Amino acid sequence: MMANQNLEALEMLKTALSMEEKGEEFYRKAMESSKNDLGKKIFETLMKDEKVHYGRILKIYNALKDESGWTEDWKSMDIGHKDVTVLFREMAAEHGKTLEADPGELEALDVGIDFEYKTMKFYQDYLPKAKDSLEKEFVEKMVEEERGHYTALKDMKLYMSDPAAWYQEMERSGLDGA
């Protein structure tokens, strides 16, 4: 019997499953303890994204374990919304400058920022090892989605720490590169 050709990918996916599971659990707790609608909505969106990631990774993991190889099946498992940063900015604009964040929420954002950075880095570090073009495409998609989470959480932290500064930043970045 020949050894599975995708051992390295299987190991990466096993680690990824564990990371996505922890992410989903973390965002569930953050959502439940959040004291404002905006926090609840963003944490819920991130929780659902991690759940989609988990399902997507599990599908690939099982196919590789059965030696079916890389397929495009995972592409049908989409997060189903635009970039989380865009989503967050739209919601924040609706909320205005009156949001009060509690320290627990800011702490959760710090943990989330750190988590998303590590997850994004995990996929980035694996990218050069990807052998199959579908494998590479999958890893690039994960990097992109985790980067979106990371950026959204950093954005949210600035907004919750200092809504006025956040608005200034948005207005500044809204000018044509000036």
N, C-alpha and C. Protein backbone atom coordinates (compact mmCIF):
# COMPACT_ATOMS: atom_id res chain seq x y z
N MET A 1 0.84 -1.20 0.00
CA MET A 1 0.00 0.00 0.00
C MET A 1 0.88 1.26 0.00
N MET A 2 0.51 2.21 -0.84
CA MET A 2 1.29 3.43 -0.94
C MET A 2 0.89 4.41 0.16
N ALA A 3 1.87 5.14 0.68
CA ALA A 3 1.58 6.13 1.72
C ALA A 3 0.76 7.27 1.12
N ASN A 4 -0.08 7.88 1.94
CA ASN A 4 -0.89 9.00 1.48
C ASN A 4 0.03 10.14 1.02
N GLN A 5 -0.23 10.61 -0.19
CA GLN A 5 0.59 11.67 -0.81
C GLN A 5 0.38 13.03 -0.14
N ASN A 6 -0.66 13.14 0.64
CA ASN A 6 -1.02 14.45 1.20
C ASN A 6 -0.80 14.55 2.71
N LEU A 7 0.20 13.83 3.22
CA LEU A 7 0.42 13.81 4.67
C LEU A 7 0.63 15.21 5.24
N GLU A 8 1.44 16.01 4.56
CA GLU A 8 1.70 17.36 5.05
C GLU A 8 0.42 18.20 5.07
N ALA A 9 -0.37 18.08 4.01
CA ALA A 9 -1.64 18.81 3.94
C ALA A 9 -2.59 18.32 5.03
N LEU A 10 -2.62 17.01 5.26
CA LEU A 10 -3.50 16.46 6.31
C LEU A 10 -3.11 17.00 7.68
N GLU A 11 -1.82 17.08 7.95
CA GLU A 11 -1.36 17.63 9.24
C GLU A 11 -1.78 19.09 9.37
N MET A 12 -1.58 19.86 8.30
CA MET A 12 -1.96 21.27 8.30
C MET A 12 -3.46 21.40 8.56
N LEU A 13 -4.26 20.57 7.88
CA LEU A 13 -5.71 20.64 8.01
C LEU A 13 -6.17 20.25 9.41
N LYS A 14 -5.48 19.28 10.01
CA LYS A 14 -5.82 18.86 11.38
C LYS A 14 -5.62 20.04 12.35
N THR A 15 -4.50 20.73 12.20
CA THR A 15 -4.22 21.91 13.03
C THR A 15 -5.25 23.00 12.75
N ALA A 16 -5.55 23.20 11.46
CA ALA A 16 -6.52 24.22 11.06
C ALA A 16 -7.90 23.94 11.66
N LEU A 17 -8.31 22.68 11.68
CA LEU A 17 -9.61 22.31 12.27
C LEU A 17 -9.67 22.73 13.72
N SER A 18 -8.61 22.45 14.44
CA SER A 18 -8.54 22.80 15.85
C SER A 18 -8.59 24.32 16.03
N MET A 19 -7.87 25.05 15.19
CA MET A 19 -7.86 26.52 15.28
C MET A 19 -9.24 27.11 15.00
N GLU A 20 -9.89 26.61 13.96
CA GLU A 20 -11.21 27.14 13.59
C GLU A 20 -12.25 26.82 14.67
N GLU A 21 -12.12 25.64 15.27
CA GLU A 21 -13.03 25.24 16.35
C GLU A 21 -12.87 26.18 17.54
N LYS A 22 -11.61 26.47 17.90
CA LYS A 22 -11.34 27.40 19.00
C LYS A 22 -11.87 28.79 18.66
N GLY A 23 -11.70 29.19 17.42
CA GLY A 23 -12.19 30.50 16.98
C GLY A 23 -13.70 30.60 17.10
N GLU A 24 -14.39 29.57 16.64
CA GLU A 24 -15.85 29.57 16.71
C GLU A 24 -16.32 29.67 18.17
N GLU A 25 -15.69 28.89 19.03
CA GLU A 25 -16.05 28.88 20.45
C GLU A 25 -15.77 30.25 21.09
N PHE A 26 -14.63 30.82 20.76
CA PHE A 26 -14.26 32.14 21.31
C PHE A 26 -15.29 33.20 20.88
N TYR A 27 -15.63 33.22 19.59
CA TYR A 27 -16.57 34.23 19.11
C TYR A 27 -17.98 34.01 19.65
N ARG A 28 -18.33 32.75 19.91
CA ARG A 28 -19.63 32.46 20.53
C ARG A 28 -19.69 33.11 21.92
N LYS A 29 -18.63 32.90 22.71
CA LYS A 29 -18.58 33.49 24.06
C LYS A 29 -18.56 35.01 23.99
N ALA A 30 -17.78 35.56 23.06
CA ALA A 30 -17.69 37.01 22.91
C ALA A 30 -19.05 37.59 22.54
N MET A 31 -19.77 36.90 21.65
CA MET A 31 -21.09 37.34 21.22
C MET A 31 -22.06 37.34 22.41
N GLU A 32 -22.01 36.25 23.18
CA GLU A 32 -22.92 36.13 24.32
C GLU A 32 -22.64 37.17 25.40
N SER A 33 -21.38 37.56 25.57
CA SER A 33 -21.07 38.51 26.63
C SER A 33 -21.03 39.96 26.15
N SER A 34 -21.15 40.17 24.85
CA SER A 34 -21.12 41.54 24.31
C SER A 34 -22.33 42.32 24.80
N LYS A 35 -22.09 43.58 25.13
CA LYS A 35 -23.16 44.39 25.71
C LYS A 35 -23.82 45.32 24.69
N ASN A 36 -23.37 45.27 23.44
CA ASN A 36 -24.01 46.13 22.44
C ASN A 36 -24.30 45.36 21.15
N ASP A 37 -25.28 45.85 20.40
CA ASP A 37 -25.73 45.18 19.17
C ASP A 37 -24.62 45.02 18.15
N LEU A 38 -23.81 46.05 18.01
CA LEU A 38 -22.74 46.02 17.01
C LEU A 38 -21.76 44.89 17.31
N GLY A 39 -21.31 44.83 18.56
CA GLY A 39 -20.39 43.77 18.98
C GLY A 39 -21.01 42.40 18.77
N LYS A 40 -22.27 42.26 19.20
CA LYS A 40 -22.97 40.97 19.04
C LYS A 40 -23.01 40.55 17.57
N LYS A 41 -23.37 41.49 16.68
CA LYS A 41 -23.49 41.17 15.25
C LYS A 41 -22.16 40.77 14.64
N ILE A 42 -21.11 41.53 14.96
CA ILE A 42 -19.80 41.23 14.38
C ILE A 42 -19.28 39.89 14.91
N PHE A 43 -19.37 39.69 16.23
CA PHE A 43 -18.89 38.42 16.80
C PHE A 43 -19.69 37.24 16.25
N GLU A 44 -20.99 37.45 16.04
CA GLU A 44 -21.83 36.38 15.47
C GLU A 44 -21.40 36.07 14.03
N THR A 45 -21.12 37.11 13.25
CA THR A 45 -20.65 36.92 11.87
C THR A 45 -19.35 36.14 11.85
N LEU A 46 -18.41 36.53 12.73
CA LEU A 46 -17.12 35.84 12.79
C LEU A 46 -17.30 34.39 13.24
N MET A 47 -18.19 34.17 14.20
CA MET A 47 -18.47 32.81 14.68
C MET A 47 -18.98 31.94 13.51
N LYS A 48 -19.92 32.49 12.74
CA LYS A 48 -20.47 31.75 11.60
C LYS A 48 -19.40 31.49 10.54
N ASP A 49 -18.53 32.47 10.32
CA ASP A 49 -17.43 32.29 9.36
C ASP A 49 -16.53 31.14 9.78
N GLU A 50 -16.19 31.10 11.07
CA GLU A 50 -15.31 30.04 11.57
C GLU A 50 -15.98 28.67 11.39
N LYS A 51 -17.30 28.65 11.56
CA LYS A 51 -18.06 27.41 11.37
C LYS A 51 -17.99 26.96 9.90
N VAL A 52 -18.11 27.91 8.98
CA VAL A 52 -17.99 27.60 7.54
C VAL A 52 -16.58 27.10 7.25
N HIS A 53 -15.58 27.80 7.82
CA HIS A 53 -14.19 27.37 7.63
C HIS A 53 -14.01 25.94 8.12
N TYR A 54 -14.56 25.64 9.29
CA TYR A 54 -14.43 24.29 9.86
C TYR A 54 -15.02 23.26 8.89
N GLY A 55 -16.22 23.53 8.40
CA GLY A 55 -16.89 22.61 7.48
C GLY A 55 -16.11 22.43 6.19
N ARG A 56 -15.58 23.53 5.70
CA ARG A 56 -14.80 23.52 4.46
C ARG A 56 -13.54 22.67 4.65
N ILE A 57 -12.85 22.88 5.77
CA ILE A 57 -11.61 22.15 6.05
C ILE A 57 -11.89 20.66 6.27
N LEU A 58 -12.98 20.36 6.99
CA LEU A 58 -13.35 18.98 7.26
C LEU A 58 -13.62 18.23 5.95
N LYS A 59 -14.31 18.89 5.04
CA LYS A 59 -14.63 18.29 3.73
C LYS A 59 -13.33 17.92 3.00
N ILE A 60 -12.38 18.83 3.00
CA ILE A 60 -11.09 18.58 2.33
C ILE A 60 -10.33 17.48 3.07
N TYR A 61 -10.30 17.59 4.39
CA TYR A 61 -9.57 16.61 5.21
C TYR A 61 -10.07 15.19 4.92
N ASN A 62 -11.39 15.02 4.93
CA ASN A 62 -11.96 13.69 4.68
C ASN A 62 -11.64 13.19 3.27
N ALA A 63 -11.68 14.08 2.28
CA ALA A 63 -11.36 13.68 0.90
C ALA A 63 -9.90 13.24 0.80
N LEU A 64 -9.01 13.98 1.45
CA LEU A 64 -7.58 13.63 1.39
C LEU A 64 -7.29 12.35 2.16
N LYS A 65 -7.99 12.19 3.29
CA LYS A 65 -7.80 10.98 4.09
C LYS A 65 -8.22 9.74 3.30
N ASP A 66 -9.29 9.90 2.53
CA ASP A 66 -9.77 8.79 1.69
C ASP A 66 -8.98 8.70 0.39
N GLU A 67 -7.95 9.51 0.28
CA GLU A 67 -7.07 9.55 -0.90
C GLU A 67 -7.81 9.95 -2.18
N SER A 68 -8.87 10.72 -2.03
CA SER A 68 -9.59 11.22 -3.21
C SER A 68 -8.84 12.39 -3.84
N GLY A 69 -7.93 12.99 -3.09
CA GLY A 69 -7.18 14.13 -3.60
C GLY A 69 -7.96 15.43 -3.46
N TRP A 70 -7.35 16.49 -3.92
CA TRP A 70 -7.96 17.82 -3.84
C TRP A 70 -9.07 17.94 -4.87
N THR A 71 -10.22 18.44 -4.42
CA THR A 71 -11.34 18.69 -5.33
C THR A 71 -11.81 20.12 -5.12
N GLU A 72 -12.77 20.54 -5.92
CA GLU A 72 -13.30 21.90 -5.78
C GLU A 72 -14.52 21.94 -4.87
N ASP A 73 -14.84 20.83 -4.21
CA ASP A 73 -16.03 20.75 -3.35
C ASP A 73 -16.09 21.87 -2.32
N TRP A 74 -14.95 22.21 -1.75
CA TRP A 74 -14.92 23.23 -0.68
C TRP A 74 -15.42 24.59 -1.15
N LYS A 75 -15.35 24.84 -2.46
CA LYS A 75 -15.74 26.16 -2.98
C LYS A 75 -17.23 26.44 -2.80
N SER A 76 -18.01 25.37 -2.66
CA SER A 76 -19.45 25.56 -2.47
C SER A 76 -19.75 26.07 -1.06
N MET A 77 -18.77 25.95 -0.16
CA MET A 77 -18.97 26.38 1.23
C MET A 77 -18.44 27.80 1.39
N ASP A 78 -19.28 28.75 1.04
CA ASP A 78 -18.87 30.15 1.05
C ASP A 78 -19.38 30.83 2.31
N ILE A 79 -18.68 31.87 2.75
CA ILE A 79 -19.12 32.58 3.96
C ILE A 79 -20.39 33.39 3.70
N GLY A 80 -20.68 33.64 2.43
CA GLY A 80 -21.98 34.20 2.09
C GLY A 80 -22.21 35.66 2.45
N HIS A 81 -21.16 36.42 2.61
CA HIS A 81 -21.31 37.87 2.82
C HIS A 81 -20.07 38.57 2.31
N LYS A 82 -20.19 39.89 2.18
CA LYS A 82 -19.02 40.64 1.72
C LYS A 82 -17.96 40.68 2.81
N ASP A 83 -16.84 41.24 2.51
CA ASP A 83 -15.73 41.38 3.45
C ASP A 83 -16.23 41.90 4.81
N VAL A 84 -15.79 41.28 5.88
CA VAL A 84 -16.25 41.63 7.23
C VAL A 84 -15.92 43.08 7.57
N THR A 85 -14.81 43.59 7.07
CA THR A 85 -14.44 44.98 7.34
C THR A 85 -15.47 45.93 6.75
N VAL A 86 -15.90 45.67 5.52
CA VAL A 86 -16.91 46.49 4.86
C VAL A 86 -18.22 46.39 5.65
N LEU A 87 -18.56 45.17 6.03
CA LEU A 87 -19.76 44.91 6.82
C LEU A 87 -19.72 45.72 8.12
N PHE A 88 -18.58 45.64 8.82
CA PHE A 88 -18.43 46.35 10.08
C PHE A 88 -18.55 47.86 9.88
N ARG A 89 -17.89 48.39 8.86
CA ARG A 89 -17.91 49.84 8.63
C ARG A 89 -19.32 50.34 8.35
N GLU A 90 -20.09 49.55 7.62
CA GLU A 90 -21.48 49.94 7.35
C GLU A 90 -22.28 49.97 8.65
N MET A 91 -22.11 48.93 9.48
CA MET A 91 -22.84 48.87 10.76
C MET A 91 -22.41 50.00 11.69
N ALA A 92 -21.10 50.26 11.75
CA ALA A 92 -20.58 51.30 12.64
C ALA A 92 -21.12 52.66 12.22
N ALA A 93 -21.18 52.90 10.92
CA ALA A 93 -21.70 54.18 10.42
C ALA A 93 -23.15 54.37 10.87
N GLU A 94 -23.92 53.28 10.90
CA GLU A 94 -25.31 53.36 11.36
C GLU A 94 -25.39 53.67 12.86
N HIS A 95 -24.42 53.16 13.62
CA HIS A 95 -24.42 53.34 15.07
C HIS A 95 -24.01 54.74 15.51
N GLY A 96 -23.26 55.42 14.68
CA GLY A 96 -22.82 56.76 15.04
C GLY A 96 -21.71 56.75 16.07
N LYS A 97 -21.52 57.90 16.72
CA LYS A 97 -20.36 58.09 17.61
C LYS A 97 -20.69 57.84 19.07
N THR A 98 -21.81 57.22 19.35
CA THR A 98 -22.29 57.15 20.73
C THR A 98 -22.01 55.83 21.44
N LEU A 99 -21.29 54.94 20.81
CA LEU A 99 -21.10 53.61 21.39
C LEU A 99 -20.22 53.63 22.63
N GLU A 100 -20.66 52.92 23.66
CA GLU A 100 -19.85 52.75 24.88
C GLU A 100 -19.37 51.31 24.91
N ALA A 101 -18.06 51.13 24.88
CA ALA A 101 -17.52 49.77 24.95
C ALA A 101 -17.10 49.46 26.37
N ASP A 102 -17.35 48.24 26.83
CA ASP A 102 -16.87 47.91 28.16
C ASP A 102 -15.50 47.23 28.03
N PRO A 103 -14.72 47.25 29.13
CA PRO A 103 -13.36 46.71 29.08
C PRO A 103 -13.31 45.24 28.63
N GLY A 104 -14.30 44.46 28.99
CA GLY A 104 -14.34 43.05 28.59
C GLY A 104 -14.40 42.89 27.08
N GLU A 105 -15.12 43.80 26.46
CA GLU A 105 -15.26 43.76 25.00
C GLU A 105 -13.94 44.11 24.32
N LEU A 106 -13.26 45.13 24.85
CA LEU A 106 -11.97 45.52 24.29
C LEU A 106 -10.95 44.40 24.46
N GLU A 107 -11.03 43.72 25.58
CA GLU A 107 -10.14 42.58 25.84
C GLU A 107 -10.43 41.45 24.83
N ALA A 108 -11.71 41.19 24.60
CA ALA A 108 -12.11 40.16 23.63
C ALA A 108 -11.59 40.52 22.24
N LEU A 109 -11.63 41.81 21.91
CA LEU A 109 -11.12 42.25 20.61
C LEU A 109 -9.62 42.00 20.51
N ASP A 110 -8.89 42.29 21.59
CA ASP A 110 -7.43 42.04 21.59
C ASP A 110 -7.13 40.56 21.37
N VAL A 111 -7.87 39.70 22.07
CA VAL A 111 -7.68 38.26 21.92
C VAL A 111 -8.01 37.84 20.48
N GLY A 112 -9.11 38.36 19.96
CA GLY A 112 -9.53 38.05 18.59
C GLY A 112 -8.51 38.52 17.56
N ILE A 113 -7.97 39.72 17.75
CA ILE A 113 -6.96 40.27 16.83
C ILE A 113 -5.74 39.36 16.83
N ASP A 114 -5.29 38.97 18.00
CA ASP A 114 -4.13 38.09 18.13
C ASP A 114 -4.40 36.73 17.48
N PHE A 115 -5.58 36.20 17.75
CA PHE A 115 -5.98 34.89 17.21
C PHE A 115 -6.02 34.93 15.67
N GLU A 116 -6.66 35.95 15.12
CA GLU A 116 -6.78 36.04 13.66
C GLU A 116 -5.41 36.25 13.01
N TYR A 117 -4.55 37.01 13.68
CA TYR A 117 -3.20 37.22 13.14
C TYR A 117 -2.45 35.89 13.07
N LYS A 118 -2.53 35.13 14.16
CA LYS A 118 -1.83 33.83 14.21
C LYS A 118 -2.40 32.86 13.17
N THR A 119 -3.72 32.88 13.01
CA THR A 119 -4.36 31.99 12.04
C THR A 119 -3.95 32.37 10.62
N MET A 120 -3.98 33.67 10.33
CA MET A 120 -3.58 34.16 9.01
C MET A 120 -2.12 33.76 8.74
N LYS A 121 -1.27 33.95 9.73
CA LYS A 121 0.16 33.63 9.60
C LYS A 121 0.36 32.12 9.39
N PHE A 122 -0.43 31.32 10.09
CA PHE A 122 -0.37 29.86 9.95
C PHE A 122 -0.59 29.47 8.48
N TYR A 123 -1.63 30.03 7.87
CA TYR A 123 -1.92 29.72 6.46
C TYR A 123 -0.85 30.30 5.53
N GLN A 124 -0.40 31.52 5.82
CA GLN A 124 0.65 32.14 4.99
C GLN A 124 1.92 31.31 5.01
N ASP A 125 2.29 30.83 6.19
CA ASP A 125 3.51 30.02 6.33
C ASP A 125 3.39 28.69 5.59
N TYR A 126 2.17 28.18 5.50
CA TYR A 126 1.97 26.90 4.82
C TYR A 126 1.96 27.06 3.29
N LEU A 127 1.55 28.22 2.82
CA LEU A 127 1.36 28.45 1.39
C LEU A 127 2.49 27.95 0.49
N PRO A 128 3.77 28.23 0.80
CA PRO A 128 4.85 27.74 -0.08
C PRO A 128 4.93 26.20 -0.14
N LYS A 129 4.35 25.52 0.84
CA LYS A 129 4.39 24.05 0.88
C LYS A 129 3.27 23.42 0.05
N ALA A 130 2.29 24.24 -0.35
CA ALA A 130 1.15 23.72 -1.12
C ALA A 130 1.64 23.15 -2.45
N LYS A 131 1.28 21.90 -2.71
CA LYS A 131 1.77 21.21 -3.91
C LYS A 131 0.76 21.28 -5.06
N ASP A 132 -0.50 21.19 -4.72
CA ASP A 132 -1.56 21.12 -5.72
C ASP A 132 -2.12 22.53 -5.96
N SER A 133 -2.54 22.83 -7.19
CA SER A 133 -3.06 24.18 -7.47
C SER A 133 -4.36 24.45 -6.69
N LEU A 134 -5.18 23.42 -6.48
CA LEU A 134 -6.40 23.59 -5.68
C LEU A 134 -6.06 23.80 -4.21
N GLU A 135 -5.02 23.14 -3.76
CA GLU A 135 -4.55 23.31 -2.38
C GLU A 135 -4.09 24.76 -2.19
N LYS A 136 -3.32 25.25 -3.15
CA LYS A 136 -2.81 26.63 -3.10
C LYS A 136 -3.98 27.61 -3.09
N GLU A 137 -4.96 27.37 -3.95
CA GLU A 137 -6.13 28.24 -4.04
C GLU A 137 -6.90 28.26 -2.71
N PHE A 138 -7.05 27.09 -2.10
CA PHE A 138 -7.73 26.98 -0.81
C PHE A 138 -6.98 27.79 0.26
N VAL A 139 -5.67 27.60 0.35
CA VAL A 139 -4.87 28.28 1.38
C VAL A 139 -4.91 29.80 1.16
N GLU A 140 -4.83 30.23 -0.09
CA GLU A 140 -4.91 31.67 -0.39
C GLU A 140 -6.25 32.25 0.04
N LYS A 141 -7.32 31.49 -0.19
CA LYS A 141 -8.67 31.93 0.20
C LYS A 141 -8.75 32.06 1.73
N MET A 142 -8.15 31.11 2.45
CA MET A 142 -8.16 31.16 3.91
C MET A 142 -7.36 32.36 4.41
N VAL A 143 -6.21 32.62 3.80
CA VAL A 143 -5.40 33.79 4.18
C VAL A 143 -6.24 35.06 4.00
N GLU A 144 -6.90 35.16 2.86
CA GLU A 144 -7.71 36.34 2.54
C GLU A 144 -8.85 36.52 3.56
N GLU A 145 -9.54 35.45 3.89
CA GLU A 145 -10.67 35.56 4.82
C GLU A 145 -10.20 35.84 6.24
N GLU A 146 -9.10 35.22 6.66
CA GLU A 146 -8.58 35.49 8.01
C GLU A 146 -8.03 36.91 8.09
N ARG A 147 -7.42 37.40 7.00
CA ARG A 147 -6.94 38.78 6.97
C ARG A 147 -8.13 39.74 7.11
N GLY A 148 -9.24 39.39 6.47
CA GLY A 148 -10.46 40.19 6.58
C GLY A 148 -10.95 40.26 8.02
N HIS A 149 -10.89 39.13 8.72
CA HIS A 149 -11.29 39.09 10.14
C HIS A 149 -10.36 39.97 10.97
N TYR A 150 -9.07 39.82 10.73
CA TYR A 150 -8.04 40.57 11.47
C TYR A 150 -8.26 42.08 11.29
N THR A 151 -8.44 42.50 10.05
CA THR A 151 -8.63 43.92 9.74
C THR A 151 -9.92 44.44 10.37
N ALA A 152 -10.99 43.66 10.29
CA ALA A 152 -12.28 44.07 10.86
C ALA A 152 -12.17 44.25 12.37
N LEU A 153 -11.48 43.33 13.04
CA LEU A 153 -11.34 43.42 14.50
C LEU A 153 -10.49 44.62 14.91
N LYS A 154 -9.43 44.90 14.15
CA LYS A 154 -8.60 46.08 14.46
C LYS A 154 -9.42 47.35 14.28
N ASP A 155 -10.21 47.37 13.23
CA ASP A 155 -11.10 48.49 12.93
C ASP A 155 -12.10 48.68 14.07
N MET A 156 -12.69 47.56 14.49
CA MET A 156 -13.69 47.57 15.55
C MET A 156 -13.09 48.05 16.86
N LYS A 157 -11.84 47.66 17.12
CA LYS A 157 -11.17 48.08 18.36
C LYS A 157 -11.01 49.60 18.38
N LEU A 158 -10.55 50.17 17.26
CA LEU A 158 -10.40 51.63 17.19
C LEU A 158 -11.76 52.29 17.38
N TYR A 159 -12.77 51.76 16.71
CA TYR A 159 -14.12 52.33 16.81
C TYR A 159 -14.63 52.30 18.25
N MET A 160 -14.44 51.16 18.93
CA MET A 160 -14.96 51.04 20.29
C MET A 160 -14.12 51.80 21.31
N SER A 161 -12.83 51.97 21.03
CA SER A 161 -11.96 52.70 21.95
C SER A 161 -12.17 54.20 21.79
N ASP A 162 -12.35 54.63 20.54
CA ASP A 162 -12.41 56.06 20.25
C ASP A 162 -13.20 56.30 18.97
N PRO A 163 -14.54 56.30 19.09
CA PRO A 163 -15.39 56.46 17.89
C PRO A 163 -15.06 57.70 17.07
N ALA A 164 -14.74 58.82 17.73
CA ALA A 164 -14.43 60.06 17.00
C ALA A 164 -13.18 59.88 16.14
N ALA A 165 -12.15 59.25 16.70
CA ALA A 165 -10.91 59.00 15.95
C ALA A 165 -11.19 58.05 14.78
N TRP A 166 -12.06 57.08 15.03
CA TRP A 166 -12.41 56.13 13.97
C TRP A 166 -13.06 56.86 12.80
N TYR A 167 -14.00 57.77 13.12
CA TYR A 167 -14.67 58.54 12.07
C TYR A 167 -13.68 59.39 11.29
N GLN A 168 -12.74 60.00 12.01
CA GLN A 168 -11.71 60.81 11.34
C GLN A 168 -10.91 59.95 10.38
N GLU A 169 -10.52 58.76 10.86
CA GLU A 169 -9.74 57.82 10.06
C GLU A 169 -10.51 57.42 8.80
N MET A 170 -11.81 57.15 8.95
CA MET A 170 -12.64 56.74 7.82
C MET A 170 -12.76 57.88 6.80
N GLU A 171 -12.94 59.11 7.32
CA GLU A 171 -13.05 60.27 6.43
C GLU A 171 -11.73 60.47 5.69
N ARG A 172 -10.62 60.33 6.40
CA ARG A 172 -9.30 60.51 5.80
C ARG A 172 -9.06 59.47 4.71
N SER A 173 -9.37 58.21 5.02
CA SER A 173 -9.13 57.16 4.03
C SER A 173 -10.14 57.23 2.89
N GLY A 174 -11.21 57.98 3.10
CA GLY A 174 -12.21 58.14 2.06
C GLY A 174 -11.79 59.15 1.00
N LEU A 175 -10.80 59.99 1.32
CA LEU A 175 -10.31 60.96 0.34
C LEU A 175 -9.42 60.24 -0.66
N ASP A 176 -9.48 60.65 -1.89
CA ASP A 176 -8.76 59.96 -2.97
C ASP A 176 -7.25 59.95 -2.77
N GLY A 177 -6.81 59.19 -1.81
CA GLY A 177 -5.38 59.01 -1.57
C GLY A 177 -4.69 60.26 -1.05
N ALA A 178 -5.44 61.32 -0.75
CA ALA A 178 -4.83 62.57 -0.28
C ALA A 178 -4.48 62.49 1.19
